[in-house]
N, C-alpha and C. Protein backbone atom coordinates (compact mmCIF):
# COMPACT_ATOMS: atom_id res chain seq x y z
N MET A 1 -5.77 40.17 -50.98
CA MET A 1 -4.65 39.65 -51.72
C MET A 1 -3.40 40.39 -51.25
N SER A 2 -2.35 39.63 -51.03
CA SER A 2 -1.12 40.23 -50.50
C SER A 2 -0.32 40.87 -51.61
N PRO A 3 0.57 41.80 -51.30
CA PRO A 3 1.36 42.48 -52.33
C PRO A 3 2.32 41.55 -53.05
N GLU A 4 2.76 40.44 -52.40
CA GLU A 4 3.71 39.54 -53.06
C GLU A 4 3.04 38.75 -54.18
N GLY A 5 1.77 38.64 -54.14
CA GLY A 5 1.05 37.82 -55.10
C GLY A 5 0.56 36.56 -54.40
N PHE A 6 -0.43 35.97 -54.97
CA PHE A 6 -1.03 34.79 -54.35
C PHE A 6 -1.57 33.91 -55.46
N ASP A 7 -1.43 32.62 -55.29
CA ASP A 7 -2.04 31.71 -56.26
C ASP A 7 -2.68 30.55 -55.51
N ILE A 8 -3.29 29.68 -56.23
CA ILE A 8 -4.05 28.58 -55.64
C ILE A 8 -3.16 27.63 -54.83
N ARG A 9 -1.89 27.58 -55.18
CA ARG A 9 -0.99 26.69 -54.44
C ARG A 9 -0.85 27.14 -52.98
N GLY A 10 -1.07 28.43 -52.72
CA GLY A 10 -1.01 28.92 -51.35
C GLY A 10 -2.08 28.31 -50.49
N ARG A 11 -3.22 28.05 -51.05
CA ARG A 11 -4.31 27.42 -50.30
C ARG A 11 -3.98 25.98 -50.00
N LEU A 12 -3.17 25.36 -50.83
CA LEU A 12 -2.81 23.97 -50.62
C LEU A 12 -1.60 23.82 -49.71
N GLY A 13 -1.05 24.92 -49.23
CA GLY A 13 0.07 24.87 -48.32
C GLY A 13 1.41 25.12 -48.98
N GLU A 14 1.40 25.37 -50.28
CA GLU A 14 2.65 25.65 -50.99
C GLU A 14 2.62 27.10 -51.45
N PHE A 15 2.98 28.00 -50.57
CA PHE A 15 2.95 29.41 -50.94
C PHE A 15 4.21 29.76 -51.72
N THR A 16 4.03 30.18 -52.95
CA THR A 16 5.13 30.69 -53.76
C THR A 16 4.66 31.97 -54.40
N PRO A 17 5.46 33.01 -54.31
CA PRO A 17 5.03 34.27 -54.92
C PRO A 17 5.04 34.18 -56.44
N ARG A 18 4.13 34.88 -57.04
CA ARG A 18 4.09 34.94 -58.51
C ARG A 18 5.26 35.76 -59.01
N PRO A 19 5.77 35.42 -60.18
CA PRO A 19 6.82 36.27 -60.75
C PRO A 19 6.22 37.61 -61.15
N ARG A 20 7.05 38.64 -61.10
CA ARG A 20 6.58 39.97 -61.47
C ARG A 20 6.22 40.00 -62.95
N ARG A 21 5.23 40.76 -63.26
CA ARG A 21 4.82 40.88 -64.66
C ARG A 21 5.82 41.73 -65.41
N LYS A 22 6.06 41.37 -66.64
CA LYS A 22 6.98 42.12 -67.47
C LYS A 22 6.19 42.93 -68.49
N ARG A 23 6.65 44.12 -68.71
CA ARG A 23 5.98 44.99 -69.68
C ARG A 23 6.60 44.75 -71.05
N VAL A 24 5.77 44.49 -72.02
CA VAL A 24 6.22 44.26 -73.38
C VAL A 24 5.96 45.52 -74.18
N VAL A 25 7.01 46.03 -74.81
CA VAL A 25 6.91 47.26 -75.59
C VAL A 25 7.12 46.90 -77.05
N LEU A 26 6.23 47.39 -77.89
CA LEU A 26 6.34 47.11 -79.32
C LEU A 26 7.45 47.93 -79.95
N ALA A 27 7.85 47.51 -81.13
CA ALA A 27 8.91 48.22 -81.85
C ALA A 27 8.44 49.60 -82.29
N ASP A 28 9.37 50.38 -82.79
CA ASP A 28 9.07 51.72 -83.26
C ASP A 28 8.08 51.66 -84.41
N ARG A 29 6.93 52.25 -84.25
CA ARG A 29 5.86 52.16 -85.25
C ARG A 29 6.13 53.06 -86.45
N ARG A 30 6.88 54.14 -86.25
CA ARG A 30 7.14 55.05 -87.37
C ARG A 30 7.94 54.35 -88.46
N ARG A 31 8.91 53.57 -88.08
CA ARG A 31 9.74 52.86 -89.06
C ARG A 31 8.89 51.84 -89.83
N THR A 32 7.95 51.22 -89.16
CA THR A 32 7.08 50.25 -89.81
C THR A 32 6.26 50.94 -90.90
N ARG A 33 5.79 52.14 -90.62
CA ARG A 33 5.01 52.87 -91.63
C ARG A 33 5.87 53.19 -92.84
N GLN A 34 7.14 53.59 -92.61
CA GLN A 34 8.03 53.90 -93.73
C GLN A 34 8.26 52.67 -94.60
N VAL A 35 8.52 51.54 -93.96
CA VAL A 35 8.76 50.30 -94.71
C VAL A 35 7.51 49.90 -95.48
N ALA A 36 6.35 50.02 -94.85
CA ALA A 36 5.10 49.68 -95.53
C ALA A 36 4.87 50.58 -96.73
N ARG A 37 5.17 51.87 -96.58
CA ARG A 37 4.99 52.80 -97.69
C ARG A 37 5.94 52.44 -98.84
N THR A 38 7.18 52.09 -98.51
CA THR A 38 8.15 51.71 -99.53
C THR A 38 7.72 50.44 -100.25
N ILE A 39 7.21 49.50 -99.49
CA ILE A 39 6.73 48.25 -100.11
C ILE A 39 5.57 48.55 -101.04
N MET A 40 4.68 49.46 -100.64
CA MET A 40 3.57 49.82 -101.52
C MET A 40 4.09 50.46 -102.80
N GLU A 41 5.11 51.31 -102.69
CA GLU A 41 5.69 51.93 -103.88
C GLU A 41 6.30 50.88 -104.80
N LEU A 42 6.93 49.88 -104.22
CA LEU A 42 7.51 48.81 -105.04
C LEU A 42 6.42 48.01 -105.73
N GLU A 43 5.33 47.75 -105.01
CA GLU A 43 4.23 46.97 -105.60
C GLU A 43 3.52 47.75 -106.70
N GLU A 44 3.49 49.07 -106.58
CA GLU A 44 2.86 49.88 -107.62
C GLU A 44 3.69 49.96 -108.89
N GLN A 45 4.94 49.55 -108.81
CA GLN A 45 5.86 49.53 -109.95
C GLN A 45 6.05 50.92 -110.56
N ASN A 46 6.30 51.90 -109.69
CA ASN A 46 6.65 53.20 -110.24
C ASN A 46 8.08 53.14 -110.75
N SER A 47 8.59 54.21 -111.30
CA SER A 47 9.89 54.16 -111.96
C SER A 47 11.03 53.83 -110.99
N VAL A 48 10.97 54.36 -109.77
CA VAL A 48 12.03 54.07 -108.80
C VAL A 48 11.97 52.61 -108.38
N GLY A 49 10.79 52.12 -108.08
CA GLY A 49 10.63 50.72 -107.69
C GLY A 49 11.06 49.78 -108.80
N GLU A 50 10.74 50.14 -110.02
CA GLU A 50 11.12 49.30 -111.17
C GLU A 50 12.64 49.22 -111.31
N VAL A 51 13.31 50.34 -111.11
CA VAL A 51 14.78 50.36 -111.20
C VAL A 51 15.39 49.51 -110.08
N LEU A 52 14.85 49.63 -108.87
CA LEU A 52 15.37 48.85 -107.75
C LEU A 52 15.18 47.35 -107.96
N VAL A 53 14.00 46.96 -108.39
CA VAL A 53 13.73 45.54 -108.62
C VAL A 53 14.59 45.02 -109.77
N THR A 54 14.73 45.80 -110.82
CA THR A 54 15.55 45.39 -111.96
C THR A 54 17.01 45.21 -111.54
N SER A 55 17.51 46.10 -110.70
CA SER A 55 18.90 45.96 -110.25
C SER A 55 19.08 44.72 -109.38
N LEU A 56 18.08 44.38 -108.56
CA LEU A 56 18.14 43.15 -107.76
C LEU A 56 18.17 41.92 -108.66
N VAL A 57 17.28 41.89 -109.64
CA VAL A 57 17.22 40.75 -110.55
C VAL A 57 18.53 40.60 -111.33
N LYS A 58 19.07 41.72 -111.79
CA LYS A 58 20.33 41.67 -112.55
C LYS A 58 21.48 41.17 -111.68
N ALA A 59 21.55 41.64 -110.44
CA ALA A 59 22.63 41.21 -109.54
C ALA A 59 22.53 39.71 -109.25
N GLN A 60 21.32 39.23 -109.00
CA GLN A 60 21.16 37.80 -108.72
C GLN A 60 21.42 36.96 -109.96
N LEU A 61 21.00 37.44 -111.12
CA LEU A 61 21.27 36.71 -112.36
C LEU A 61 22.76 36.67 -112.65
N ARG A 62 23.44 37.78 -112.44
CA ARG A 62 24.88 37.83 -112.68
C ARG A 62 25.63 36.83 -111.79
N SER A 63 25.32 36.80 -110.51
CA SER A 63 26.03 35.88 -109.63
C SER A 63 25.65 34.42 -109.94
N ALA A 64 24.41 34.16 -110.33
CA ALA A 64 24.03 32.80 -110.70
C ALA A 64 24.75 32.36 -111.97
N LEU A 65 24.88 33.26 -112.93
CA LEU A 65 25.58 32.90 -114.17
C LEU A 65 27.08 32.69 -113.94
N VAL A 66 27.68 33.46 -113.06
CA VAL A 66 29.09 33.26 -112.74
C VAL A 66 29.31 31.89 -112.11
N LEU A 67 28.48 31.53 -111.15
CA LEU A 67 28.64 30.23 -110.51
C LEU A 67 28.29 29.09 -111.47
N THR A 68 27.34 29.30 -112.35
CA THR A 68 27.05 28.29 -113.37
C THR A 68 28.24 28.11 -114.31
N GLY A 69 28.89 29.20 -114.66
CA GLY A 69 30.09 29.12 -115.48
C GLY A 69 31.20 28.34 -114.80
N VAL A 70 31.36 28.52 -113.50
CA VAL A 70 32.37 27.76 -112.76
C VAL A 70 32.04 26.27 -112.79
N VAL A 71 30.78 25.92 -112.57
CA VAL A 71 30.38 24.51 -112.59
C VAL A 71 30.59 23.91 -113.97
N VAL A 72 30.19 24.62 -115.02
CA VAL A 72 30.36 24.12 -116.39
C VAL A 72 31.84 23.96 -116.71
N ALA A 73 32.65 24.92 -116.32
CA ALA A 73 34.08 24.83 -116.59
C ALA A 73 34.70 23.62 -115.90
N VAL A 74 34.31 23.36 -114.67
CA VAL A 74 34.88 22.22 -113.95
C VAL A 74 34.33 20.91 -114.50
N LEU A 75 33.02 20.81 -114.69
CA LEU A 75 32.43 19.54 -115.15
C LEU A 75 32.86 19.16 -116.56
N PHE A 76 33.03 20.14 -117.44
CA PHE A 76 33.47 19.82 -118.79
C PHE A 76 34.98 19.94 -118.94
N GLY A 77 35.61 20.71 -118.09
CA GLY A 77 37.06 20.90 -118.19
C GLY A 77 37.85 19.69 -117.73
N LEU A 78 37.40 19.05 -116.67
CA LEU A 78 38.13 17.88 -116.18
C LEU A 78 38.17 16.73 -117.19
N PRO A 79 37.05 16.33 -117.80
CA PRO A 79 37.15 15.27 -118.82
C PRO A 79 38.01 15.67 -120.01
N VAL A 80 37.92 16.92 -120.41
CA VAL A 80 38.77 17.39 -121.52
C VAL A 80 40.24 17.32 -121.11
N LEU A 81 40.54 17.70 -119.89
CA LEU A 81 41.91 17.62 -119.39
C LEU A 81 42.40 16.17 -119.38
N PHE A 82 41.57 15.25 -118.90
CA PHE A 82 41.97 13.84 -118.87
C PHE A 82 42.11 13.27 -120.28
N TRP A 83 41.35 13.78 -121.23
CA TRP A 83 41.46 13.33 -122.61
C TRP A 83 42.72 13.91 -123.26
N ALA A 84 43.00 15.19 -123.00
CA ALA A 84 44.13 15.87 -123.62
C ALA A 84 45.47 15.40 -123.04
N VAL A 85 45.49 15.11 -121.75
CA VAL A 85 46.72 14.67 -121.09
C VAL A 85 46.43 13.32 -120.43
N PRO A 86 46.56 12.22 -121.19
CA PRO A 86 46.19 10.91 -120.64
C PRO A 86 47.04 10.47 -119.45
N SER A 87 48.23 11.01 -119.31
CA SER A 87 49.07 10.59 -118.18
C SER A 87 48.46 11.03 -116.84
N ILE A 88 47.71 12.11 -116.82
CA ILE A 88 47.04 12.55 -115.58
C ILE A 88 45.96 11.55 -115.21
N GLY A 89 45.29 11.00 -116.20
CA GLY A 89 44.24 10.01 -115.94
C GLY A 89 44.76 8.70 -115.38
N ASP A 90 46.07 8.45 -115.54
CA ASP A 90 46.65 7.21 -115.03
C ASP A 90 47.12 7.33 -113.58
N LEU A 91 47.12 8.52 -113.02
CA LEU A 91 47.54 8.70 -111.63
C LEU A 91 46.53 8.06 -110.69
N ALA A 92 47.03 7.53 -109.59
CA ALA A 92 46.16 6.91 -108.59
C ALA A 92 46.41 7.56 -107.24
N VAL A 93 45.34 7.82 -106.51
CA VAL A 93 45.40 8.36 -105.16
C VAL A 93 44.67 7.39 -104.25
N LEU A 94 45.40 6.86 -103.28
CA LEU A 94 44.83 5.86 -102.35
C LEU A 94 44.23 4.67 -103.09
N GLY A 95 44.87 4.27 -104.19
CA GLY A 95 44.42 3.12 -104.95
C GLY A 95 43.27 3.40 -105.91
N VAL A 96 42.82 4.64 -106.00
CA VAL A 96 41.71 5.01 -106.89
C VAL A 96 42.27 5.95 -107.96
N ARG A 97 41.92 5.66 -109.21
CA ARG A 97 42.41 6.52 -110.28
C ARG A 97 41.83 7.92 -110.14
N LEU A 98 42.64 8.91 -110.50
CA LEU A 98 42.29 10.32 -110.31
C LEU A 98 40.97 10.73 -110.99
N PRO A 99 40.71 10.31 -112.23
CA PRO A 99 39.41 10.70 -112.82
C PRO A 99 38.21 10.19 -112.03
N TRP A 100 38.29 8.96 -111.53
CA TRP A 100 37.19 8.42 -110.73
C TRP A 100 37.05 9.19 -109.42
N LEU A 101 38.17 9.53 -108.84
CA LEU A 101 38.14 10.25 -107.57
C LEU A 101 37.54 11.64 -107.75
N LEU A 102 37.99 12.36 -108.79
CA LEU A 102 37.51 13.73 -108.99
C LEU A 102 36.07 13.78 -109.49
N LEU A 103 35.75 12.98 -110.52
CA LEU A 103 34.43 13.07 -111.14
C LEU A 103 33.38 12.18 -110.46
N GLY A 104 33.83 11.19 -109.72
CA GLY A 104 32.87 10.29 -109.09
C GLY A 104 32.62 10.55 -107.62
N VAL A 105 33.60 11.17 -106.96
CA VAL A 105 33.46 11.35 -105.51
C VAL A 105 33.53 12.83 -105.12
N LEU A 106 34.59 13.49 -105.51
CA LEU A 106 34.82 14.86 -105.03
C LEU A 106 33.96 15.91 -105.72
N ILE A 107 33.26 15.53 -106.76
CA ILE A 107 32.40 16.49 -107.44
C ILE A 107 31.19 16.87 -106.58
N TYR A 108 30.73 15.95 -105.71
CA TYR A 108 29.54 16.22 -104.90
C TYR A 108 29.80 17.27 -103.82
N PRO A 109 30.90 17.20 -103.07
CA PRO A 109 31.17 18.32 -102.16
C PRO A 109 31.36 19.65 -102.90
N PHE A 110 31.93 19.58 -104.10
CA PHE A 110 32.09 20.79 -104.91
C PHE A 110 30.73 21.39 -105.26
N LEU A 111 29.77 20.55 -105.67
CA LEU A 111 28.43 21.05 -106.01
C LEU A 111 27.70 21.59 -104.79
N VAL A 112 27.89 20.97 -103.63
CA VAL A 112 27.29 21.48 -102.40
C VAL A 112 27.88 22.86 -102.07
N LEU A 113 29.18 23.01 -102.24
CA LEU A 113 29.83 24.30 -102.01
C LEU A 113 29.28 25.36 -102.96
N ILE A 114 29.11 25.02 -104.22
CA ILE A 114 28.56 25.98 -105.19
C ILE A 114 27.13 26.37 -104.79
N GLY A 115 26.32 25.41 -104.37
CA GLY A 115 24.96 25.71 -103.92
C GLY A 115 24.96 26.63 -102.71
N TYR A 116 25.86 26.38 -101.77
CA TYR A 116 25.98 27.22 -100.58
C TYR A 116 26.37 28.65 -100.97
N LEU A 117 27.36 28.76 -101.86
CA LEU A 117 27.79 30.09 -102.30
C LEU A 117 26.68 30.83 -103.04
N CYS A 118 25.94 30.11 -103.86
CA CYS A 118 24.83 30.74 -104.60
C CYS A 118 23.77 31.27 -103.63
N THR A 119 23.45 30.49 -102.61
CA THR A 119 22.46 30.91 -101.63
C THR A 119 22.95 32.12 -100.85
N ARG A 120 24.20 32.10 -100.41
CA ARG A 120 24.75 33.23 -99.66
C ARG A 120 24.76 34.50 -100.49
N ARG A 121 25.13 34.38 -101.76
CA ARG A 121 25.15 35.58 -102.61
C ARG A 121 23.74 36.12 -102.82
N ALA A 122 22.77 35.23 -103.06
CA ALA A 122 21.38 35.69 -103.25
C ALA A 122 20.86 36.38 -101.99
N GLU A 123 21.16 35.81 -100.83
CA GLU A 123 20.73 36.44 -99.59
C GLU A 123 21.41 37.79 -99.38
N ARG A 124 22.68 37.89 -99.74
CA ARG A 124 23.39 39.16 -99.61
C ARG A 124 22.77 40.22 -100.53
N HIS A 125 22.45 39.82 -101.77
CA HIS A 125 21.82 40.76 -102.70
C HIS A 125 20.46 41.22 -102.17
N GLU A 126 19.68 40.29 -101.61
CA GLU A 126 18.38 40.66 -101.07
C GLU A 126 18.52 41.57 -99.86
N ARG A 127 19.51 41.30 -99.01
CA ARG A 127 19.74 42.14 -97.85
C ARG A 127 20.15 43.56 -98.28
N ASP A 128 21.02 43.65 -99.28
CA ASP A 128 21.42 44.96 -99.80
C ASP A 128 20.22 45.69 -100.40
N PHE A 129 19.37 44.95 -101.09
CA PHE A 129 18.17 45.53 -101.69
C PHE A 129 17.26 46.09 -100.60
N LEU A 130 17.04 45.33 -99.54
CA LEU A 130 16.17 45.80 -98.46
C LEU A 130 16.79 47.00 -97.75
N ASP A 131 18.10 47.00 -97.57
CA ASP A 131 18.74 48.17 -96.96
C ASP A 131 18.56 49.41 -97.84
N MET A 132 18.66 49.22 -99.14
CA MET A 132 18.51 50.34 -100.06
C MET A 132 17.05 50.83 -100.07
N VAL A 133 16.12 49.91 -99.98
CA VAL A 133 14.70 50.28 -100.01
C VAL A 133 14.30 51.00 -98.72
N GLU A 134 14.85 50.57 -97.60
CA GLU A 134 14.48 51.17 -96.31
C GLU A 134 15.07 52.54 -96.10
N LYS A 135 16.07 52.92 -96.86
CA LYS A 135 16.70 54.24 -96.68
C LYS A 135 15.89 55.35 -97.27
């Protein structure tokens, strides 16, 4: 066998050298042991793990309640506004009355935005939690 490498295509008249083998190195194993130990401590529910998990749950609940409050304020506030000030309800934008435009069309992008924000906040809280646990 030649040093360049050889494969069956060489016998068929198409000699192409094999690509060099690449060495794959695993990640740092010591860090994996630390993370595994921390996860075991969290699963055992000792006092430190309980405090960490409780703080994560509280942070996620707080941000979910804030965003829920925003949705409730907008969904119930707009009809109350249109009822309290009827002249606003008579405005038309592009031939569509403002209440129909806001509550019938533009509310859906608003809800998608709220869902996106809720997901980003939850992921941020989880990322902060994992950073705190790994330290």
